[in-house]
Structure formats: C-alpha cells, structure tokens
Amino acid sequence: NQGTVNVINVAFQIFCIFAVMFTVLLGMSFIFGGR
C-alpha cells in the first residue's frame, strides 16, 4: 500500500546517501592513503 511504499522509498534514499558517502570515503582512502 502507499504508506508502506513511502517508508520504503525514504529508507532507500537514506541507504543511497550513505552508500555514496562511504564510496567517497573509500575513494579518499585511495587518494590520501596510497597503495
């Protein structure tokens, strides 16, 4: 139903934001940490 879909959409957006944030941090670890 629509109420559940709204909750799942918000959770999906939050998960995507954190995925992008940790991807950026991972990239920074390769830039600043080197190999």
Full PDB file with SEQRES, HELIX, SHEET, SSBOND, CRYST1, ORIGX, SCALE, CONECT and MASTER records, all heavy atoms in Angstrom:
SEQRES   1 A   35  ASN GLN GLY THR VAL ASN VAL ILE ASN VAL ALA PHE GLN          
SEQRES   2 A   35  ILE PHE CYS ILE PHE ALA VAL MET PHE THR VAL LEU LEU          
SEQRES   3 A   35  GLY MET SER PHE ILE PHE GLY GLY ARG                          
HELIX    1 AA1 GLN A    2  GLY A   33  1                                  32    
CRYST1    1.000    1.000    1.000  90.00  90.00  90.00 P 1           1          
ORIGX1      1.000000  0.000000  0.000000        0.00000                         
ORIGX2      0.000000  1.000000  0.000000        0.00000                         
ORIGX3      0.000000  0.000000  1.000000        0.00000                         
SCALE1      1.000000  0.000000  0.000000        0.00000                         
SCALE2      0.000000  1.000000  0.000000        0.00000                         
SCALE3      0.000000  0.000000  1.000000        0.00000                         
ATOM      1  N   ASN A   1       0.844  -1.193   0.000  1.00  0.00           N  
ATOM      2  CA  ASN A   1       0.000   0.000   0.000  1.00  0.00           C  
ATOM      3  C   ASN A   1       0.888   1.255   0.000  1.00  0.00           C  
ATOM      4  O   ASN A   1       2.091   1.182   0.207  1.00  0.00           O  
ATOM      5  CB  ASN A   1      -0.961  -0.006   1.198  1.00  0.00           C  
ATOM      6  CG  ASN A   1      -0.223  -0.023   2.518  1.00  0.00           C  
ATOM      7  OD1 ASN A   1       0.986   0.121   2.558  1.00  0.00           O  
ATOM      8  ND2 ASN A   1      -0.963  -0.203   3.602  1.00  0.00           N  
ATOM      9  N   GLN A   2       0.288   2.411  -0.242  1.00  0.00           N  
ATOM     10  CA  GLN A   2       1.051   3.640  -0.464  1.00  0.00           C  
ATOM     11  C   GLN A   2       1.871   4.059   0.760  1.00  0.00           C  
ATOM     12  O   GLN A   2       2.985   4.537   0.623  1.00  0.00           O  
ATOM     13  CB  GLN A   2       0.102   4.778  -0.866  1.00  0.00           C  
ATOM     14  CG  GLN A   2       0.819   6.044  -1.298  1.00  0.00           C  
ATOM     15  CD  GLN A   2       1.707   5.820  -2.512  1.00  0.00           C  
ATOM     16  OE1 GLN A   2       1.347   5.102  -3.436  1.00  0.00           O  
ATOM     17  NE2 GLN A   2       2.878   6.427  -2.500  1.00  0.00           N  
ATOM     18  N   GLY A   3       1.346   3.865   1.971  1.00  0.00           N  
ATOM     19  CA  GLY A   3       2.081   4.233   3.188  1.00  0.00           C  
ATOM     20  C   GLY A   3       3.374   3.452   3.332  1.00  0.00           C  
ATOM     21  O   GLY A   3       4.424   4.007   3.670  1.00  0.00           O  
ATOM     22  N   THR A   4       3.304   2.163   3.052  1.00  0.00           N  
ATOM     23  CA  THR A   4       4.490   1.319   3.131  1.00  0.00           C  
ATOM     24  C   THR A   4       5.484   1.678   2.036  1.00  0.00           C  
ATOM     25  O   THR A   4       6.686   1.700   2.268  1.00  0.00           O  
ATOM     26  CB  THR A   4       4.100  -0.165   3.015  1.00  0.00           C  
ATOM     27  OG1 THR A   4       3.088  -0.457   3.988  1.00  0.00           O  
ATOM     28  CG2 THR A   4       5.282  -1.064   3.246  1.00  0.00           C  
ATOM     29  N   VAL A   5       4.989   1.977   0.863  1.00  0.00           N  
ATOM     30  CA  VAL A   5       5.858   2.368  -0.242  1.00  0.00           C  
ATOM     31  C   VAL A   5       6.616   3.649   0.110  1.00  0.00           C  
ATOM     32  O   VAL A   5       7.808   3.772  -0.180  1.00  0.00           O  
ATOM     33  CB  VAL A   5       5.049   2.527  -1.549  1.00  0.00           C  
ATOM     34  CG1 VAL A   5       5.894   3.182  -2.629  1.00  0.00           C  
ATOM     35  CG2 VAL A   5       4.540   1.181  -2.020  1.00  0.00           C  
ATOM     36  N   ASN A   6       5.940   4.604   0.737  1.00  0.00           N  
ATOM     37  CA  ASN A   6       6.599   5.846   1.129  1.00  0.00           C  
ATOM     38  C   ASN A   6       7.733   5.583   2.118  1.00  0.00           C  
ATOM     39  O   ASN A   6       8.811   6.168   2.012  1.00  0.00           O  
ATOM     40  CB  ASN A   6       5.598   6.830   1.728  1.00  0.00           C  
ATOM     41  CG  ASN A   6       4.653   7.386   0.688  1.00  0.00           C  
ATOM     42  OD1 ASN A   6       4.928   7.344  -0.504  1.00  0.00           O  
ATOM     43  ND2 ASN A   6       3.519   7.900   1.139  1.00  0.00           N  
ATOM     44  N   VAL A   7       7.504   4.711   3.072  1.00  0.00           N  
ATOM     45  CA  VAL A   7       8.534   4.377   4.059  1.00  0.00           C  
ATOM     46  C   VAL A   7       9.714   3.693   3.377  1.00  0.00           C  
ATOM     47  O   VAL A   7      10.879   4.006   3.654  1.00  0.00           O  
ATOM     48  CB  VAL A   7       7.942   3.487   5.181  1.00  0.00           C  
ATOM     49  CG1 VAL A   7       9.026   2.952   6.088  1.00  0.00           C  
ATOM     50  CG2 VAL A   7       6.913   4.259   5.973  1.00  0.00           C  
ATOM     51  N   ILE A   8       9.422   2.776   2.475  1.00  0.00           N  
ATOM     52  CA  ILE A   8      10.499   2.070   1.770  1.00  0.00           C  
ATOM     53  C   ILE A   8      11.279   3.041   0.883  1.00  0.00           C  
ATOM     54  O   ILE A   8      12.501   2.953   0.796  1.00  0.00           O  
ATOM     55  CB  ILE A   8       9.920   0.897   0.951  1.00  0.00           C  
ATOM     56  CG1 ILE A   8       9.456  -0.198   1.908  1.00  0.00           C  
ATOM     57  CG2 ILE A   8      10.953   0.349  -0.017  1.00  0.00           C  
ATOM     58  CD1 ILE A   8       8.811  -1.376   1.239  1.00  0.00           C  
ATOM     59  N   ASN A   9      10.591   3.992   0.253  1.00  0.00           N  
ATOM     60  CA  ASN A   9      11.285   4.971  -0.583  1.00  0.00           C  
ATOM     61  C   ASN A   9      12.214   5.858   0.243  1.00  0.00           C  
ATOM     62  O   ASN A   9      13.340   6.151  -0.176  1.00  0.00           O  
ATOM     63  CB  ASN A   9      10.295   5.838  -1.358  1.00  0.00           C  
ATOM     64  CG  ASN A   9       9.665   5.092  -2.504  1.00  0.00           C  
ATOM     65  OD1 ASN A   9      10.223   4.112  -2.997  1.00  0.00           O  
ATOM     66  ND2 ASN A   9       8.507   5.550  -2.929  1.00  0.00           N  
ATOM     67  N   VAL A  10      11.776   6.268   1.412  1.00  0.00           N  
ATOM     68  CA  VAL A  10      12.630   7.085   2.289  1.00  0.00           C  
ATOM     69  C   VAL A  10      13.831   6.264   2.756  1.00  0.00           C  
ATOM     70  O   VAL A  10      14.966   6.751   2.748  1.00  0.00           O  
ATOM     71  CB  VAL A  10      11.817   7.630   3.478  1.00  0.00           C  
ATOM     72  CG1 VAL A  10      12.726   8.247   4.525  1.00  0.00           C  
ATOM     73  CG2 VAL A  10      10.795   8.635   3.005  1.00  0.00           C  
ATOM     74  N   ALA A  11      13.598   5.022   3.145  1.00  0.00           N  
ATOM     75  CA  ALA A  11      14.712   4.163   3.571  1.00  0.00           C  
ATOM     76  C   ALA A  11      15.696   3.949   2.419  1.00  0.00           C  
ATOM     77  O   ALA A  11      16.920   3.975   2.616  1.00  0.00           O  
ATOM     78  CB  ALA A  11      14.176   2.824   4.070  1.00  0.00           C  
ATOM     79  N   PHE A  12      15.177   3.771   1.215  1.00  0.00           N  
ATOM     80  CA  PHE A  12      16.036   3.605   0.041  1.00  0.00           C  
ATOM     81  C   PHE A  12      16.902   4.838  -0.187  1.00  0.00           C  
ATOM     82  O   PHE A  12      18.099   4.734  -0.456  1.00  0.00           O  
ATOM     83  CB  PHE A  12      15.166   3.320  -1.192  1.00  0.00           C  
ATOM     84  CG  PHE A  12      15.920   3.309  -2.484  1.00  0.00           C  
ATOM     85  CD1 PHE A  12      16.760   2.261  -2.807  1.00  0.00           C  
ATOM     86  CD2 PHE A  12      15.794   4.363  -3.376  1.00  0.00           C  
ATOM     87  CE1 PHE A  12      17.456   2.249  -4.008  1.00  0.00           C  
ATOM     88  CE2 PHE A  12      16.482   4.362  -4.573  1.00  0.00           C  
ATOM     89  CZ  PHE A  12      17.321   3.307  -4.879  1.00  0.00           C  
ATOM     90  N   GLN A  13      16.315   6.011  -0.058  1.00  0.00           N  
ATOM     91  CA  GLN A  13      17.076   7.245  -0.245  1.00  0.00           C  
ATOM     92  C   GLN A  13      18.164   7.388   0.816  1.00  0.00           C  
ATOM     93  O   GLN A  13      19.289   7.802   0.508  1.00  0.00           O  
ATOM     94  CB  GLN A  13      16.140   8.452  -0.216  1.00  0.00           C  
ATOM     95  CG  GLN A  13      15.224   8.528  -1.416  1.00  0.00           C  
ATOM     96  CD  GLN A  13      14.184   9.617  -1.284  1.00  0.00           C  
ATOM     97  OE1 GLN A  13      14.144  10.334  -0.292  1.00  0.00           O  
ATOM     98  NE2 GLN A  13      13.340   9.754  -2.297  1.00  0.00           N  
ATOM     99  N   ILE A  14      17.845   7.044   2.053  1.00  0.00           N  
ATOM    100  CA  ILE A  14      18.842   7.132   3.126  1.00  0.00           C  
ATOM    101  C   ILE A  14      19.979   6.155   2.862  1.00  0.00           C  
ATOM    102  O   ILE A  14      21.158   6.496   3.017  1.00  0.00           O  
ATOM    103  CB  ILE A  14      18.170   6.886   4.495  1.00  0.00           C  
ATOM    104  CG1 ILE A  14      17.238   8.052   4.832  1.00  0.00           C  
ATOM    105  CG2 ILE A  14      19.213   6.695   5.585  1.00  0.00           C  
ATOM    106  CD1 ILE A  14      16.350   7.811   6.027  1.00  0.00           C  
ATOM    107  N   PHE A  15      19.651   4.941   2.462  1.00  0.00           N  
ATOM    108  CA  PHE A  15      20.689   3.952   2.161  1.00  0.00           C  
ATOM    109  C   PHE A  15      21.563   4.428   1.006  1.00  0.00           C  
ATOM    110  O   PHE A  15      22.780   4.244   1.025  1.00  0.00           O  
ATOM    111  CB  PHE A  15      20.054   2.597   1.834  1.00  0.00           C  
ATOM    112  CG  PHE A  15      19.870   1.715   3.029  1.00  0.00           C  
ATOM    113  CD1 PHE A  15      18.950   2.028   4.008  1.00  0.00           C  
ATOM    114  CD2 PHE A  15      20.626   0.564   3.177  1.00  0.00           C  
ATOM    115  CE1 PHE A  15      18.782   1.224   5.110  1.00  0.00           C  
ATOM    116  CE2 PHE A  15      20.465  -0.254   4.279  1.00  0.00           C  
ATOM    117  CZ  PHE A  15      19.546   0.076   5.250  1.00  0.00           C  
ATOM    118  N   CYS A  16      20.959   5.047   0.003  1.00  0.00           N  
ATOM    119  CA  CYS A  16      21.737   5.548  -1.136  1.00  0.00           C  
ATOM    120  C   CYS A  16      22.680   6.672  -0.710  1.00  0.00           C  
ATOM    121  O   CYS A  16      23.828   6.729  -1.159  1.00  0.00           O  
ATOM    122  CB  CYS A  16      20.817   6.042  -2.245  1.00  0.00           C  
ATOM    123  SG  CYS A  16      20.011   4.703  -3.130  1.00  0.00           S  
ATOM    124  N   ILE A  17      22.219   7.552   0.157  1.00  0.00           N  
ATOM    125  CA  ILE A  17      23.072   8.641   0.635  1.00  0.00           C  
ATOM    126  C   ILE A  17      24.281   8.078   1.373  1.00  0.00           C  
ATOM    127  O   ILE A  17      25.421   8.512   1.152  1.00  0.00           O  
ATOM    128  CB  ILE A  17      22.264   9.600   1.540  1.00  0.00           C  
ATOM    129  CG1 ILE A  17      21.276  10.393   0.695  1.00  0.00           C  
ATOM    130  CG2 ILE A  17      23.181  10.525   2.327  1.00  0.00           C  
ATOM    131  CD1 ILE A  17      20.261  11.162   1.499  1.00  0.00           C  
ATOM    132  N   PHE A  18      24.058   7.106   2.260  1.00  0.00           N  
ATOM    133  CA  PHE A  18      25.175   6.517   2.992  1.00  0.00           C  
ATOM    134  C   PHE A  18      26.093   5.722   2.072  1.00  0.00           C  
ATOM    135  O   PHE A  18      27.315   5.707   2.267  1.00  0.00           O  
ATOM    136  CB  PHE A  18      24.677   5.646   4.144  1.00  0.00           C  
ATOM    137  CG  PHE A  18      24.345   6.449   5.365  1.00  0.00           C  
ATOM    138  CD1 PHE A  18      23.034   6.754   5.666  1.00  0.00           C  
ATOM    139  CD2 PHE A  18      25.343   6.900   6.203  1.00  0.00           C  
ATOM    140  CE1 PHE A  18      22.713   7.490   6.788  1.00  0.00           C  
ATOM    141  CE2 PHE A  18      25.044   7.645   7.329  1.00  0.00           C  
ATOM    142  CZ  PHE A  18      23.719   7.943   7.629  1.00  0.00           C  
ATOM    143  N   ALA A  19      25.535   5.069   1.065  1.00  0.00           N  
ATOM    144  CA  ALA A  19      26.373   4.337   0.106  1.00  0.00           C  
ATOM    145  C   ALA A  19      27.288   5.300  -0.645  1.00  0.00           C  
ATOM    146  O   ALA A  19      28.483   5.026  -0.822  1.00  0.00           O  
ATOM    147  CB  ALA A  19      25.506   3.549  -0.868  1.00  0.00           C  
ATOM    148  N   VAL A  20      26.750   6.440  -1.056  1.00  0.00           N  
ATOM    149  CA  VAL A  20      27.570   7.442  -1.743  1.00  0.00           C  
ATOM    150  C   VAL A  20      28.627   7.999  -0.800  1.00  0.00           C  
ATOM    151  O   VAL A  20      29.795   8.167  -1.172  1.00  0.00           O  
ATOM    152  CB  VAL A  20      26.683   8.571  -2.313  1.00  0.00           C  
ATOM    153  CG1 VAL A  20      27.513   9.753  -2.776  1.00  0.00           C  
ATOM    154  CG2 VAL A  20      25.828   8.045  -3.440  1.00  0.00           C  
ATOM    155  N   MET A  21      28.238   8.278   0.439  1.00  0.00           N  
ATOM    156  CA  MET A  21      29.191   8.823   1.410  1.00  0.00           C  
ATOM    157  C   MET A  21      30.360   7.867   1.643  1.00  0.00           C  
ATOM    158  O   MET A  21      31.528   8.278   1.611  1.00  0.00           O  
ATOM    159  CB  MET A  21      28.492   9.110   2.740  1.00  0.00           C  
ATOM    160  CG  MET A  21      29.424   9.698   3.783  1.00  0.00           C  
ATOM    161  SD  MET A  21      28.661   9.906   5.393  1.00  0.00           S  
ATOM    162  CE  MET A  21      28.489   8.216   5.918  1.00  0.00           C  
ATOM    163  N   PHE A  22      30.078   6.583   1.841  1.00  0.00           N  
ATOM    164  CA  PHE A  22      31.154   5.634   2.085  1.00  0.00           C  
ATOM    165  C   PHE A  22      31.954   5.357   0.815  1.00  0.00           C  
ATOM    166  O   PHE A  22      33.149   5.069   0.896  1.00  0.00           O  
ATOM    167  CB  PHE A  22      30.613   4.340   2.696  1.00  0.00           C  
ATOM    168  CG  PHE A  22      30.378   4.461   4.173  1.00  0.00           C  
ATOM    169  CD1 PHE A  22      29.096   4.555   4.670  1.00  0.00           C  
ATOM    170  CD2 PHE A  22      31.435   4.499   5.048  1.00  0.00           C  
ATOM    171  CE1 PHE A  22      28.874   4.682   6.026  1.00  0.00           C  
ATOM    172  CE2 PHE A  22      31.236   4.617   6.408  1.00  0.00           C  
ATOM    173  CZ  PHE A  22      29.944   4.721   6.899  1.00  0.00           C  
ATOM    174  N   THR A  23      31.341   5.488  -0.356  1.00  0.00           N  
ATOM    175  CA  THR A  23      32.099   5.365  -1.602  1.00  0.00           C  
ATOM    176  C   THR A  23      33.090   6.520  -1.728  1.00  0.00           C  
ATOM    177  O   THR A  23      34.237   6.326  -2.139  1.00  0.00           O  
ATOM    178  CB  THR A  23      31.148   5.334  -2.806  1.00  0.00           C  
ATOM    179  OG1 THR A  23      30.227   4.243  -2.646  1.00  0.00           O  
ATOM    180  CG2 THR A  23      31.904   5.183  -4.105  1.00  0.00           C  
ATOM    181  N   VAL A  24      32.663   7.720  -1.370  1.00  0.00           N  
ATOM    182  CA  VAL A  24      33.567   8.873  -1.394  1.00  0.00           C  
ATOM    183  C   VAL A  24      34.699   8.674  -0.392  1.00  0.00           C  
ATOM    184  O   VAL A  24      35.872   8.939  -0.693  1.00  0.00           O  
ATOM    185  CB  VAL A  24      32.789  10.177  -1.117  1.00  0.00           C  
ATOM    186  CG1 VAL A  24      33.727  11.339  -0.856  1.00  0.00           C  
ATOM    187  CG2 VAL A  24      31.855  10.494  -2.270  1.00  0.00           C  
ATOM    188  N   LEU A  25      34.382   8.209   0.812  1.00  0.00           N  
ATOM    189  CA  LEU A  25      35.426   7.953   1.805  1.00  0.00           C  
ATOM    190  C   LEU A  25      36.394   6.875   1.320  1.00  0.00           C  
ATOM    191  O   LEU A  25      37.603   6.970   1.551  1.00  0.00           O  
ATOM    192  CB  LEU A  25      34.800   7.543   3.139  1.00  0.00           C  
ATOM    193  CG  LEU A  25      34.161   8.672   3.934  1.00  0.00           C  
ATOM    194  CD1 LEU A  25      33.386   8.101   5.119  1.00  0.00           C  
ATOM    195  CD2 LEU A  25      35.204   9.656   4.405  1.00  0.00           C  
ATOM    196  N   LEU A  26      35.877   5.862   0.651  1.00  0.00           N  
ATOM    197  CA  LEU A  26      36.741   4.816   0.102  1.00  0.00           C  
ATOM    198  C   LEU A  26      37.668   5.401  -0.960  1.00  0.00           C  
ATOM    199  O   LEU A  26      38.866   5.099  -0.979  1.00  0.00           O  
ATOM    200  CB  LEU A  26      35.882   3.689  -0.485  1.00  0.00           C  
ATOM    201  CG  LEU A  26      36.612   2.485  -1.041  1.00  0.00           C  
ATOM    202  CD1 LEU A  26      37.413   1.799   0.048  1.00  0.00           C  
ATOM    203  CD2 LEU A  26      35.610   1.513  -1.631  1.00  0.00           C  
ATOM    204  N   GLY A  27      37.130   6.244  -1.818  1.00  0.00           N  
ATOM    205  CA  GLY A  27      37.965   6.911  -2.813  1.00  0.00           C  
ATOM    206  C   GLY A  27      39.020   7.789  -2.165  1.00  0.00           C  
ATOM    207  O   GLY A  27      40.181   7.822  -2.602  1.00  0.00           O  
ATOM    208  N   MET A  28      38.653   8.508  -1.114  1.00  0.00           N  
ATOM    209  CA  MET A  28      39.618   9.344  -0.405  1.00  0.00           C  
ATOM    210  C   MET A  28      40.710   8.500   0.234  1.00  0.00           C  
ATOM    211  O   MET A  28      41.871   8.924   0.295  1.00  0.00           O  
ATOM    212  CB  MET A  28      38.907  10.191   0.646  1.00  0.00           C  
ATOM    213  CG  MET A  28      38.060  11.292   0.067  1.00  0.00           C  
ATOM    214  SD  MET A  28      37.082  12.165   1.304  1.00  0.00           S  
ATOM    215  CE  MET A  28      38.355  12.895   2.296  1.00  0.00           C  
ATOM    216  N   SER A  29      40.357   7.299   0.687  1.00  0.00           N  
ATOM    217  CA  SER A  29      41.384   6.445   1.285  1.00  0.00           C  
ATOM    218  C   SER A  29      42.405   6.001   0.245  1.00  0.00           C  
ATOM    219  O   SER A  29      43.572   5.823   0.564  1.00  0.00           O  
ATOM    220  CB  SER A  29      40.757   5.233   1.974  1.00  0.00           C  
ATOM    221  OG  SER A  29      40.340   4.267   1.038  1.00  0.00           O  
ATOM    222  N   PHE A  30      41.966   5.860  -1.013  1.00  0.00           N  
ATOM    223  CA  PHE A  30      42.920   5.523  -2.072  1.00  0.00           C  
ATOM    224  C   PHE A  30      43.730   6.749  -2.490  1.00  0.00           C  
ATOM    225  O   PHE A  30      44.901   6.630  -2.840  1.00  0.00           O  
ATOM    226  CB  PHE A  30      42.201   4.927  -3.292  1.00  0.00           C  
ATOM    227  CG  PHE A  30      41.860   3.484  -3.121  1.00  0.00           C  
ATOM    228  CD1 PHE A  30      40.566   3.097  -2.824  1.00  0.00           C  
ATOM    229  CD2 PHE A  30      42.832   2.511  -3.233  1.00  0.00           C  
ATOM    230  CE1 PHE A  30      40.249   1.762  -2.655  1.00  0.00           C  
ATOM    231  CE2 PHE A  30      42.527   1.167  -3.071  1.00  0.00           C  
ATOM    232  CZ  PHE A  30      41.230   0.798  -2.778  1.00  0.00           C  
ATOM    233  N   ILE A  31      43.115   7.925  -2.455  1.00  0.00           N  
ATOM    234  CA  ILE A  31      43.830   9.143  -2.843  1.00  0.00           C  
ATOM    235  C   ILE A  31      44.852   9.524  -1.784  1.00  0.00           C  
ATOM    236  O   ILE A  31      46.025   9.758  -2.084  1.00  0.00           O  
ATOM    237  CB  ILE A  31      42.836  10.295  -3.075  1.00  0.00           C  
ATOM    238  CG1 ILE A  31      41.984  10.008  -4.307  1.00  0.00           C  
ATOM    239  CG2 ILE A  31      43.568  11.633  -3.228  1.00  0.00           C  
ATOM    240  CD1 ILE A  31      40.812  10.951  -4.469  1.00  0.00           C  
ATOM    241  N   PHE A  32      44.417   9.603  -0.529  1.00  0.00           N  
ATOM    242  CA  PHE A  32      45.296  10.089   0.533  1.00  0.00           C  
ATOM    243  C   PHE A  32      46.110   8.989   1.180  1.00  0.00           C  
ATOM    244  O   PHE A  32      47.142   9.259   1.791  1.00  0.00           O  
ATOM    245  CB  PHE A  32      44.483  10.822   1.601  1.00  0.00           C  
ATOM    246  CG  PHE A  32      43.824  12.060   1.084  1.00  0.00           C  
ATOM    247  CD1 PHE A  32      42.449  12.187   1.109  1.00  0.00           C  
ATOM    248  CD2 PHE A  32      44.569  13.095   0.560  1.00  0.00           C  
ATOM    249  CE1 PHE A  32      41.830  13.324   0.632  1.00  0.00           C  
ATOM    250  CE2 PHE A  32      43.959  14.239   0.072  1.00  0.00           C  
ATOM    251  CZ  PHE A  32      42.590  14.354   0.109  1.00  0.00           C  
ATOM    252  N   GLY A  33      45.660   7.746   1.082  1.00  0.00           N  
ATOM    253  CA  GLY A  33      46.390   6.646   1.702  1.00  0.00           C  
ATOM    254  C   GLY A  33      47.362   5.977   0.759  1.00  0.00           C  
ATOM    255  O   GLY A  33      48.302   5.321   1.183  1.00  0.00           O  
ATOM    256  N   GLY A  34      47.134   6.146  -0.520  1.00  0.00           N  
ATOM    257  CA  GLY A  34      48.003   5.498  -1.488  1.00  0.00           C  
ATOM    258  C   GLY A  34      47.842   3.993  -1.428  1.00  0.00           C  
ATOM    259  O   GLY A  34      46.881   3.462  -0.877  1.00  0.00           O  
ATOM    260  N   ARG A  35      48.788   3.311  -2.012  1.00  0.00           N  
ATOM    261  CA  ARG A  35      48.756   1.853  -2.000  1.00  0.00           C  
ATOM    262  C   ARG A  35      49.686   1.331  -0.924  1.00  0.00           C  
ATOM    263  O   ARG A  35      50.614   2.001  -0.522  1.00  0.00           O  
ATOM    264  CB  ARG A  35      49.189   1.313  -3.346  1.00  0.00           C  
ATOM    265  CG  ARG A  35      48.232   1.630  -4.442  1.00  0.00           C  
ATOM    266  CD  ARG A  35      48.693   1.025  -5.719  1.00  0.00           C  
ATOM    267  NE  ARG A  35      47.751   1.355  -6.765  1.00  0.00           N  
ATOM    268  CZ  ARG A  35      47.325   0.494  -7.637  1.00  0.00           C  
ATOM    269  NH1 ARG A  35      47.734  -0.728  -7.626  1.00  0.00           N  
ATOM    270  NH2 ARG A  35      46.461   0.858  -8.555  1.00  0.00           N  
TER     271      ARG A  35                                                      
MASTER        0    0    0    1    0    0    0    6  270    1    0    3          
END                                                                             
